[in-house]
Amino acid sequence: MKGRRVGVTGLGCLTPIGNGVPAFTEGLRSGRSGVSKITLFDPASLEVSIAAEVKGFDPESALSAKELRHVGRVVPLSLAAAGEALTGAGIDTERLSLDERRRIAVVFGTGGGAVDFFERMYGHWYRGDLKKASVYSIPTGTMGTLSSEISMRFGLKGRSHVITTGCTSSADALAYAARLVAWGDEDLVLTGGADAVITPGIMTGFSLMQILSTARVDAPSTASRPFDAGRDGFVLGEGAWMFVLEPLERARARGARVLAEVCGYGTTCDAYHRVRLDESGEEPARAMREAIADAGLCAEDIGYVQYHGTSTLLNDRIETRATKKALGDAATRIPGSSVKSQIGHPQGASGAAGLAATLLGMQCGFLPPTLNLETSDPDCDLDYVPNVARPAQVEFALCNGIAFGSKNSALILRNGRSL
């Protein structure tokens, strides 16, 4: 990546396998599944009644009951994760000068935004309960205001942008944020993403597409099984993962702990179909090659791959094919895994979730597992770290993202311990 080197100095997260960095790390290492019966609403009328919810989180810890009436679930999740990231980076926004706050940006990625809020509002409108509808129905229901909620909470007056590119949203947001830092446009960027779209409407829509797992509703923890021959669809998830990015030299000068370096980014589009990937896998492969080249590396330098790995028949097969095209002979020796086996598919937050899992694994010396990988699929024949976390020391990792509209993104992280 050209320009100043970019360090990650803060991380915060609310996840289906643990809230906060220590809990998420332990959930990854122990191979915990966050998939269970839906509790956010009564799913009795739905074909699929399981999802990966964030549990044990009180939204009123982030916003008052009055404020929560006017926002979607994604907002308190994001604010809590952002606060943890800033604290971890040693940034106390209340002590910053006006000029300093003007040099801190928010770049946020989301796929569904406050769709739960809109579903509630439409319910009020259709029933004629206008007194129950929020006066902020339009502004807080749109994607663009989500970064503003974070900017306002912490008084950050730099750029406040939302990136929404489907399931690659948060990966693309982090890449955009990294380039703002690298090019000197911002001194610090609070970035990452969140989605909280476990709603009756979204569940129904995905069921119509026939891409949710239905075979193991009675055994929720076994339903998300990327690369396994018995996979039959993804499990919807939710969560928030936020990062603090700043110039590596600045971080060192102020004595901050550098968790990782953002080294490279690549992004392409199959230009093929609204939902499906081109089966050749050429464009995801090109995104991976671009990211590796942007980092000034070669395939042999990669020590781990965080796969998009949704647990759908087609995508897992194509991603495996694309990885082989991108990494060549090295693909067979490089281990990788999909955090979605533990946390479900958090849509636009997927990239941030995968990056966080990768970063924490590198920091703590282990590779997160791919749960429920029991039966070999001849079309998915790489090392996916089945079922149990594996001790390992990794310097460079590749993180993949794939989205509806056949968008592809890839990022390279360097372990902060090797800097």
Protein backbone atom coordinates (compact mmCIF):
# COMPACT_ATOMS: atom_id res chain seq x y z
CA MET A 1 0.00 0.00 0.00
CA LYS A 2 1.53 3.31 -1.09
CA GLY A 3 2.13 6.18 1.32
CA ARG A 4 2.43 6.04 5.08
CA ARG A 5 2.31 2.61 6.72
CA VAL A 6 -1.00 1.97 8.47
CA GLY A 7 -1.25 0.40 11.90
CA VAL A 8 -4.26 -1.04 13.74
CA THR A 9 -4.09 0.18 17.33
CA GLY A 10 -7.60 -0.48 18.61
CA LEU A 11 -10.28 -3.16 18.29
CA GLY A 12 -13.77 -3.46 19.73
CA CYS A 13 -16.45 -6.06 19.12
CA LEU A 14 -19.92 -7.32 19.99
CA THR A 15 -20.31 -10.87 18.64
CA PRO A 16 -22.44 -14.02 18.88
CA ILE A 17 -19.59 -15.84 20.67
CA GLY A 18 -18.62 -13.14 23.14
CA ASN A 19 -18.82 -9.41 23.77
CA GLY A 20 -15.55 -7.52 23.95
CA VAL A 21 -12.13 -8.51 22.69
CA PRO A 22 -11.20 -10.98 25.48
CA ALA A 23 -14.49 -12.87 25.20
CA PHE A 24 -14.39 -12.96 21.40
CA THR A 25 -10.79 -14.23 21.49
CA GLU A 26 -11.69 -17.01 23.90
CA GLY A 27 -14.74 -17.91 21.81
CA LEU A 28 -12.56 -18.25 18.73
CA ARG A 29 -9.90 -20.28 20.50
CA SER A 30 -12.35 -22.66 22.18
CA GLY A 31 -14.39 -23.24 19.02
CA ARG A 32 -17.64 -21.91 20.46
CA SER A 33 -20.73 -21.68 18.25
CA GLY A 34 -22.98 -18.65 18.53
CA VAL A 35 -25.86 -20.18 16.57
CA SER A 36 -29.09 -20.84 18.46
CA LYS A 37 -32.86 -20.40 18.32
CA ILE A 38 -33.91 -16.83 17.53
CA THR A 39 -34.87 -14.83 20.62
CA LEU A 40 -35.09 -11.30 19.19
CA PHE A 41 -38.65 -12.05 18.05
CA ASP A 42 -41.00 -15.01 17.83
CA PRO A 43 -39.86 -17.04 14.78
CA ALA A 44 -42.74 -19.53 14.91
CA SER A 45 -44.12 -18.46 11.53
CA LEU A 46 -40.76 -18.73 9.75
CA GLU A 47 -39.30 -21.65 7.86
CA VAL A 48 -35.94 -21.08 9.57
CA SER A 49 -35.90 -20.28 13.28
CA ILE A 50 -32.15 -20.19 14.02
CA ALA A 51 -29.56 -17.42 13.75
CA ALA A 52 -26.38 -16.18 15.42
CA GLU A 53 -27.47 -13.37 17.73
CA VAL A 54 -25.34 -11.13 19.92
CA LYS A 55 -26.27 -12.26 23.42
CA GLY A 56 -25.90 -10.64 26.82
CA PHE A 57 -25.78 -7.11 25.42
CA ASP A 58 -27.95 -4.41 26.96
CA PRO A 59 -28.57 -1.69 24.33
CA GLU A 60 -29.25 0.74 27.19
CA SER A 61 -25.57 0.48 28.07
CA ALA A 62 -24.95 2.47 24.89
CA LEU A 63 -28.09 4.60 24.53
CA SER A 64 -31.01 5.62 26.72
CA ALA A 65 -34.39 3.93 26.34
CA LYS A 66 -35.70 7.14 24.79
CA GLU A 67 -32.91 7.25 22.20
CA LEU A 68 -33.33 3.56 21.35
CA ARG A 69 -36.85 4.31 20.08
CA HIS A 70 -35.32 6.29 17.23
CA VAL A 71 -32.54 3.99 15.98
CA GLY A 72 -31.94 0.47 14.78
CA ARG A 73 -30.14 -2.23 16.76
CA VAL A 74 -27.02 -1.65 14.66
CA VAL A 75 -26.44 1.71 16.37
CA PRO A 76 -25.95 0.65 20.03
CA LEU A 77 -23.89 -2.34 18.86
CA SER A 78 -21.64 -0.05 16.83
CA LEU A 79 -21.28 2.54 19.56
CA ALA A 80 -20.24 -0.09 22.09
CA ALA A 81 -17.68 -1.60 19.72
CA ALA A 82 -16.35 1.84 18.75
CA GLY A 83 -15.94 2.81 22.39
CA GLU A 84 -13.95 -0.34 23.13
CA ALA A 85 -11.74 0.24 20.08
CA LEU A 86 -10.95 3.83 21.09
CA THR A 87 -10.21 2.81 24.68
CA GLY A 88 -7.95 0.00 23.49
CA ALA A 89 -6.05 2.45 21.31
CA GLY A 90 -5.59 4.81 24.24
CA ILE A 91 -7.72 7.55 22.64
CA ASP A 92 -9.79 9.66 25.04
CA THR A 93 -11.86 11.81 22.71
CA GLU A 94 -13.00 14.08 25.54
CA ARG A 95 -9.42 15.22 26.06
CA LEU A 96 -8.77 16.01 22.39
CA SER A 97 -8.63 19.55 21.07
CA LEU A 98 -10.98 20.74 18.36
CA ASP A 99 -8.20 20.57 15.78
CA GLU A 100 -7.39 16.98 16.81
CA ARG A 101 -11.02 15.91 16.56
CA ARG A 102 -11.20 17.47 13.10
CA ARG A 103 -8.47 15.06 11.98
CA ILE A 104 -10.29 11.91 13.08
CA ALA A 105 -12.67 10.26 10.62
CA VAL A 106 -15.35 7.61 10.83
CA VAL A 107 -15.65 5.18 7.92
CA PHE A 108 -18.36 2.61 8.57
CA GLY A 109 -19.42 -0.44 6.57
CA THR A 110 -22.88 -2.02 6.64
CA GLY A 111 -25.04 -4.10 4.35
CA GLY A 112 -28.50 -3.77 5.92
CA GLY A 113 -28.06 -0.79 8.20
CA ALA A 114 -31.13 -0.08 10.31
CA VAL A 115 -33.47 -2.42 8.42
CA ASP A 116 -34.99 -3.59 11.72
CA PHE A 117 -35.91 0.02 12.50
CA PHE A 118 -37.62 0.38 9.11
CA GLU A 119 -39.56 -2.84 9.62
CA ARG A 120 -40.86 -1.50 12.94
CA MET A 121 -41.78 1.85 11.40
CA TYR A 122 -43.61 0.27 8.46
CA GLY A 123 -45.56 -1.83 10.94
CA HIS A 124 -46.69 1.34 12.73
CA TRP A 125 -47.56 3.09 9.47
CA TYR A 126 -49.54 0.20 8.03
CA ARG A 127 -51.49 -0.25 11.26
CA GLY A 128 -52.14 3.47 11.47
CA ASP A 129 -50.23 3.79 14.76
CA LEU A 130 -48.49 6.99 13.73
CA LYS A 131 -48.09 8.09 17.35
CA LYS A 132 -45.78 5.11 17.87
CA ALA A 133 -43.64 5.96 14.85
CA SER A 134 -40.39 7.85 15.29
CA VAL A 135 -40.13 11.44 14.12
CA TYR A 136 -36.65 10.41 12.91
CA SER A 137 -37.97 7.58 10.72
CA ILE A 138 -36.33 8.91 7.57
CA PRO A 139 -32.93 10.20 8.75
CA THR A 140 -32.06 7.34 11.09
CA GLY A 141 -33.44 4.75 8.72
CA THR A 142 -31.00 5.65 5.95
CA MET A 143 -27.52 4.13 5.64
CA GLY A 144 -25.63 7.41 5.51
CA THR A 145 -26.49 8.53 9.02
CA LEU A 146 -24.98 5.48 10.72
CA SER A 147 -21.47 6.92 10.70
CA SER A 148 -22.93 10.19 11.98
CA GLU A 149 -24.22 8.40 15.09
CA ILE A 150 -20.63 7.38 15.88
CA SER A 151 -19.20 10.79 14.97
CA MET A 152 -21.71 12.56 17.19
CA ARG A 153 -21.20 10.21 20.15
CA PHE A 154 -17.42 10.78 20.21
CA GLY A 155 -17.28 14.33 18.81
CA LEU A 156 -15.26 13.33 15.74
CA LYS A 157 -15.37 16.01 13.07
CA GLY A 158 -13.35 14.47 10.23
CA ARG A 159 -14.95 12.56 7.37
CA SER A 160 -18.05 10.61 8.33
CA HIS A 161 -18.76 8.12 5.56
CA VAL A 162 -20.72 4.91 5.13
CA ILE A 163 -19.63 2.23 2.65
CA THR A 164 -22.34 -0.20 1.61
CA THR A 165 -21.28 -2.81 -0.94
CA GLY A 166 -23.19 -5.78 0.40
CA CYS A 167 -21.20 -8.41 2.26
CA THR A 168 -17.88 -6.73 1.41
CA SER A 169 -19.00 -3.43 2.99
CA SER A 170 -16.83 -3.45 6.10
CA ALA A 171 -13.78 -4.82 4.27
CA ASP A 172 -14.11 -2.05 1.71
CA ALA A 173 -14.64 0.50 4.50
CA LEU A 174 -11.46 -0.59 6.23
CA ALA A 175 -9.52 -0.42 2.97
CA TYR A 176 -10.83 3.09 2.25
CA ALA A 177 -9.96 4.11 5.80
CA ALA A 178 -6.45 2.69 5.46
CA ARG A 179 -5.86 4.69 2.31
CA LEU A 180 -7.06 7.90 3.97
CA VAL A 181 -4.40 7.31 6.62
CA ALA A 182 -1.74 6.23 4.12
CA TRP A 183 -2.29 9.28 1.94
CA GLY A 184 -2.22 11.69 4.89
CA ASP A 185 -5.84 12.79 4.56
CA GLU A 186 -6.66 11.86 8.17
CA ASP A 187 -4.56 11.38 11.30
CA LEU A 188 -6.77 8.61 12.64
CA VAL A 189 -9.81 6.69 11.39
CA LEU A 190 -12.38 4.76 13.39
CA THR A 191 -13.53 2.09 10.96
CA GLY A 192 -15.05 -1.37 10.62
CA GLY A 193 -18.69 -2.29 10.41
CA ALA A 194 -21.82 -3.79 11.82
CA ASP A 195 -25.05 -5.41 10.77
CA ALA A 196 -28.09 -6.41 12.81
CA VAL A 197 -30.59 -7.72 10.27
CA ILE A 198 -32.09 -10.72 12.07
CA THR A 199 -35.67 -9.65 11.42
CA PRO A 200 -38.83 -11.39 10.18
CA GLY A 201 -38.62 -9.60 6.83
CA ILE A 202 -34.97 -10.39 6.14
CA MET A 203 -35.35 -14.01 7.26
CA THR A 204 -38.35 -14.39 4.97
CA GLY A 205 -36.49 -12.82 2.04
CA PHE A 206 -33.50 -15.13 2.42
CA SER A 207 -35.82 -18.12 2.79
CA LEU A 208 -37.43 -17.21 -0.54
CA MET A 209 -33.95 -17.27 -2.09
CA GLN A 210 -33.43 -20.75 -0.58
CA ILE A 211 -29.96 -19.91 0.71
CA LEU A 212 -30.49 -20.35 4.47
CA SER A 213 -29.57 -23.64 6.13
CA THR A 214 -32.71 -25.67 6.84
CA ALA A 215 -31.35 -29.18 7.46
CA ARG A 216 -30.22 -28.69 11.06
CA VAL A 217 -32.73 -26.32 12.64
CA ASP A 218 -33.03 -28.72 15.58
CA ALA A 219 -29.24 -28.74 16.09
CA PRO A 220 -28.38 -25.06 15.61
CA SER A 221 -24.69 -25.24 16.54
CA THR A 222 -24.08 -27.68 13.65
CA ALA A 223 -25.91 -25.69 10.96
CA SER A 224 -23.10 -23.42 9.75
CA ARG A 225 -20.55 -25.75 8.17
CA PRO A 226 -18.38 -24.05 5.51
CA PHE A 227 -16.65 -26.38 3.05
CA ASP A 228 -18.31 -29.50 4.51
CA ALA A 229 -19.93 -31.84 1.99
CA GLY A 230 -23.19 -31.65 3.96
CA ARG A 231 -23.53 -27.87 3.93
CA ASP A 232 -26.91 -26.61 2.77
CA GLY A 233 -26.86 -22.83 3.24
CA PHE A 234 -25.74 -20.08 5.55
CA VAL A 235 -26.94 -19.06 9.01
CA LEU A 236 -27.77 -15.38 9.40
CA GLY A 237 -25.64 -13.59 11.98
CA GLU A 238 -25.13 -10.13 13.44
CA GLY A 239 -22.47 -8.14 15.27
CA ALA A 240 -20.17 -5.14 15.30
CA TRP A 241 -16.39 -5.01 14.84
CA MET A 242 -14.58 -1.65 14.94
CA PHE A 243 -10.91 -0.72 14.52
CA VAL A 244 -8.69 2.29 15.07
CA LEU A 245 -6.25 2.96 12.21
CA GLU A 246 -3.40 5.45 12.33
CA PRO A 247 0.04 5.98 10.78
CA LEU A 248 2.48 3.40 12.09
CA GLU A 249 5.06 6.07 12.94
CA ARG A 250 2.50 8.11 14.90
CA ALA A 251 1.40 5.03 16.83
CA ARG A 252 4.98 4.21 17.78
CA ALA A 253 5.72 7.80 18.74
CA ARG A 254 2.85 7.89 21.23
CA GLY A 255 3.66 4.44 22.60
CA ALA A 256 0.54 2.71 21.31
CA ARG A 257 0.43 -1.05 20.90
CA VAL A 258 0.25 -1.94 17.20
CA LEU A 259 -1.98 -4.98 16.73
CA ALA A 260 -1.49 -5.30 12.98
CA GLU A 261 -0.53 -3.46 9.83
CA VAL A 262 -2.92 -3.10 6.88
CA CYS A 263 -0.65 -3.88 3.94
CA GLY A 264 -2.68 -4.47 0.80
CA TYR A 265 -6.11 -4.40 -0.80
CA GLY A 266 -7.67 -5.68 -3.99
CA THR A 267 -11.23 -5.47 -5.29
CA THR A 268 -12.97 -6.66 -8.45
CA CYS A 269 -16.41 -7.46 -9.83
CA ASP A 270 -17.49 -10.50 -11.84
CA ALA A 271 -20.12 -8.34 -13.58
CA TYR A 272 -22.04 -11.57 -13.88
CA HIS A 273 -25.22 -11.96 -11.78
CA ARG A 274 -27.26 -10.31 -9.00
CA VAL A 275 -26.53 -13.17 -6.60
CA ARG A 276 -24.32 -15.88 -8.09
CA LEU A 277 -20.58 -15.82 -8.68
CA ASP A 278 -19.06 -16.69 -12.02
CA GLU A 279 -18.02 -20.32 -11.51
CA SER A 280 -14.59 -19.73 -13.01
CA GLY A 281 -13.54 -17.89 -9.85
CA GLU A 282 -11.26 -15.65 -11.88
CA GLU A 283 -12.37 -12.30 -10.43
CA PRO A 284 -12.12 -13.30 -6.74
CA ALA A 285 -8.71 -14.70 -7.62
CA ARG A 286 -7.72 -11.41 -9.24
CA ALA A 287 -8.80 -9.51 -6.11
CA MET A 288 -6.53 -11.75 -4.02
CA ARG A 289 -3.63 -11.29 -6.43
CA GLU A 290 -4.13 -7.51 -6.40
CA ALA A 291 -4.08 -7.43 -2.59
CA ILE A 292 -0.91 -9.52 -2.44
CA ALA A 293 0.79 -7.31 -5.04
CA ASP A 294 -0.36 -4.14 -3.27
CA ALA A 295 1.37 -5.43 -0.14
CA GLY A 296 4.56 -6.08 -2.09
CA LEU A 297 4.33 -9.81 -1.37
CA CYS A 298 4.09 -13.08 -3.27
CA ALA A 299 1.82 -16.05 -2.62
CA GLU A 300 4.53 -17.87 -0.66
CA ASP A 301 4.54 -15.08 1.94
CA ILE A 302 0.93 -15.73 2.98
CA GLY A 303 0.65 -17.81 6.14
CA TYR A 304 -3.12 -17.95 6.60
CA VAL A 305 -6.35 -17.27 4.71
CA GLN A 306 -9.56 -16.07 6.35
CA TYR A 307 -12.14 -17.33 3.87
CA HIS A 308 -15.47 -15.71 3.14
CA GLY A 309 -16.76 -19.27 3.56
CA THR A 310 -20.53 -18.80 3.80
CA SER A 311 -21.50 -22.49 4.00
CA THR A 312 -23.39 -22.37 0.69
CA LEU A 313 -22.75 -25.07 -1.89
CA LEU A 314 -21.77 -22.77 -4.73
CA ASN A 315 -19.77 -20.05 -3.00
CA ASP A 316 -17.52 -22.35 -0.99
CA ARG A 317 -16.66 -24.33 -4.10
CA ILE A 318 -15.92 -21.22 -6.15
CA GLU A 319 -13.87 -19.59 -3.40
CA THR A 320 -11.73 -22.72 -3.14
CA ARG A 321 -11.19 -22.65 -6.90
CA ALA A 322 -10.36 -18.94 -6.82
CA THR A 323 -7.87 -19.41 -3.98
CA LYS A 324 -6.04 -22.06 -5.97
CA LYS A 325 -5.88 -19.73 -8.96
CA ALA A 326 -4.60 -16.85 -6.83
CA LEU A 327 -2.06 -18.74 -4.73
CA GLY A 328 -1.01 -21.46 -7.13
CA ASP A 329 0.91 -24.38 -5.62
CA ALA A 330 1.08 -22.53 -2.29
CA ALA A 331 -2.69 -22.90 -1.83
CA THR A 332 -2.42 -26.52 -0.73
CA ARG A 333 -0.01 -25.76 2.12
CA ILE A 334 -1.57 -22.53 3.45
CA PRO A 335 -4.13 -23.11 6.22
CA GLY A 336 -7.32 -21.10 6.34
CA SER A 337 -10.70 -21.03 8.02
CA SER A 338 -14.10 -19.35 8.06
CA VAL A 339 -15.24 -17.55 11.20
CA LYS A 340 -18.80 -17.85 9.88
CA SER A 341 -18.82 -21.43 11.13
CA GLN A 342 -18.90 -19.88 14.62
CA ILE A 343 -20.75 -16.57 14.21
CA GLY A 344 -22.99 -17.17 11.19
CA HIS A 345 -23.02 -14.71 8.32
CA PRO A 346 -23.16 -11.11 9.61
CA GLN A 347 -23.69 -9.70 6.12
CA GLY A 348 -21.93 -6.35 5.63
CA ALA A 349 -19.95 -6.85 8.85
CA SER A 350 -18.40 -10.04 7.47
CA GLY A 351 -15.13 -8.46 6.39
CA ALA A 352 -14.59 -6.74 9.73
CA ALA A 353 -15.46 -9.95 11.59
CA GLY A 354 -12.96 -11.96 9.55
CA LEU A 355 -10.27 -9.33 9.97
CA ALA A 356 -10.81 -9.21 13.73
CA ALA A 357 -10.67 -13.01 14.02
CA THR A 358 -7.49 -13.06 11.93
CA LEU A 359 -5.84 -10.26 13.91
CA LEU A 360 -6.62 -11.87 17.27
CA GLY A 361 -5.43 -15.26 16.08
CA MET A 362 -2.14 -13.76 14.90
CA GLN A 363 -1.70 -11.83 18.15
CA CYS A 364 -2.41 -14.88 20.31
CA GLY A 365 -0.64 -17.51 18.21
CA PHE A 366 -3.51 -19.64 16.93
CA LEU A 367 -5.59 -20.24 13.81
CA PRO A 368 -9.36 -20.06 14.40
CA PRO A 369 -11.15 -23.28 13.45
CA THR A 370 -13.78 -24.05 10.85
CA LEU A 371 -16.48 -25.77 12.89
CA ASN A 372 -18.60 -28.72 11.70
CA LEU A 373 -16.17 -29.76 8.97
CA GLU A 374 -16.82 -33.48 9.16
CA THR A 375 -17.19 -34.85 5.63
CA SER A 376 -14.72 -34.07 2.87
CA ASP A 377 -16.01 -32.37 -0.27
CA PRO A 378 -13.83 -33.15 -3.32
CA ASP A 379 -14.45 -29.62 -4.60
CA CYS A 380 -13.25 -28.11 -1.29
CA ASP A 381 -9.92 -29.80 -0.72
CA LEU A 382 -7.70 -27.24 1.02
CA ASP A 383 -6.64 -27.02 4.68
CA TYR A 384 -9.57 -25.32 6.45
CA VAL A 385 -8.35 -25.94 10.05
CA PRO A 386 -11.22 -28.33 10.84
CA ASN A 387 -13.06 -28.10 14.16
CA VAL A 388 -10.19 -27.26 16.53
CA ALA A 389 -8.04 -24.13 16.76
CA ARG A 390 -4.41 -24.75 15.78
CA PRO A 391 -1.28 -23.21 17.33
CA ALA A 392 0.60 -21.20 14.72
CA GLN A 393 2.74 -18.13 14.20
CA VAL A 394 1.61 -16.13 11.17
CA GLU A 395 3.21 -12.97 9.82
CA PHE A 396 0.98 -12.23 6.80
CA ALA A 397 -2.68 -13.18 6.34
CA LEU A 398 -5.13 -12.85 3.46
CA CYS A 399 -8.76 -12.02 4.25
CA ASN A 400 -11.40 -12.62 1.56
CA GLY A 401 -14.80 -11.04 0.99
CA ILE A 402 -17.53 -11.83 -1.55
CA ALA A 403 -20.83 -9.99 -1.98
CA PHE A 404 -24.10 -10.06 -3.92
CA GLY A 405 -23.67 -8.44 -7.31
CA SER A 406 -20.53 -10.57 -7.65
CA LYS A 407 -18.25 -8.12 -5.82
CA ASN A 408 -14.95 -9.38 -4.46
CA SER A 409 -12.53 -7.84 -1.98
CA ALA A 410 -9.31 -9.01 -0.35
CA LEU A 411 -7.10 -7.48 2.35
CA ILE A 412 -3.64 -8.32 3.65
CA LEU A 413 -2.79 -7.97 7.36
CA ARG A 414 0.66 -8.19 8.92
CA ASN A 415 1.00 -9.40 12.48
CA GLY A 416 1.80 -6.50 14.80
CA ARG A 417 4.17 -8.74 16.73
CA SER A 418 6.46 -8.90 13.70
CA LEU A 419 6.74 -5.13 13.22
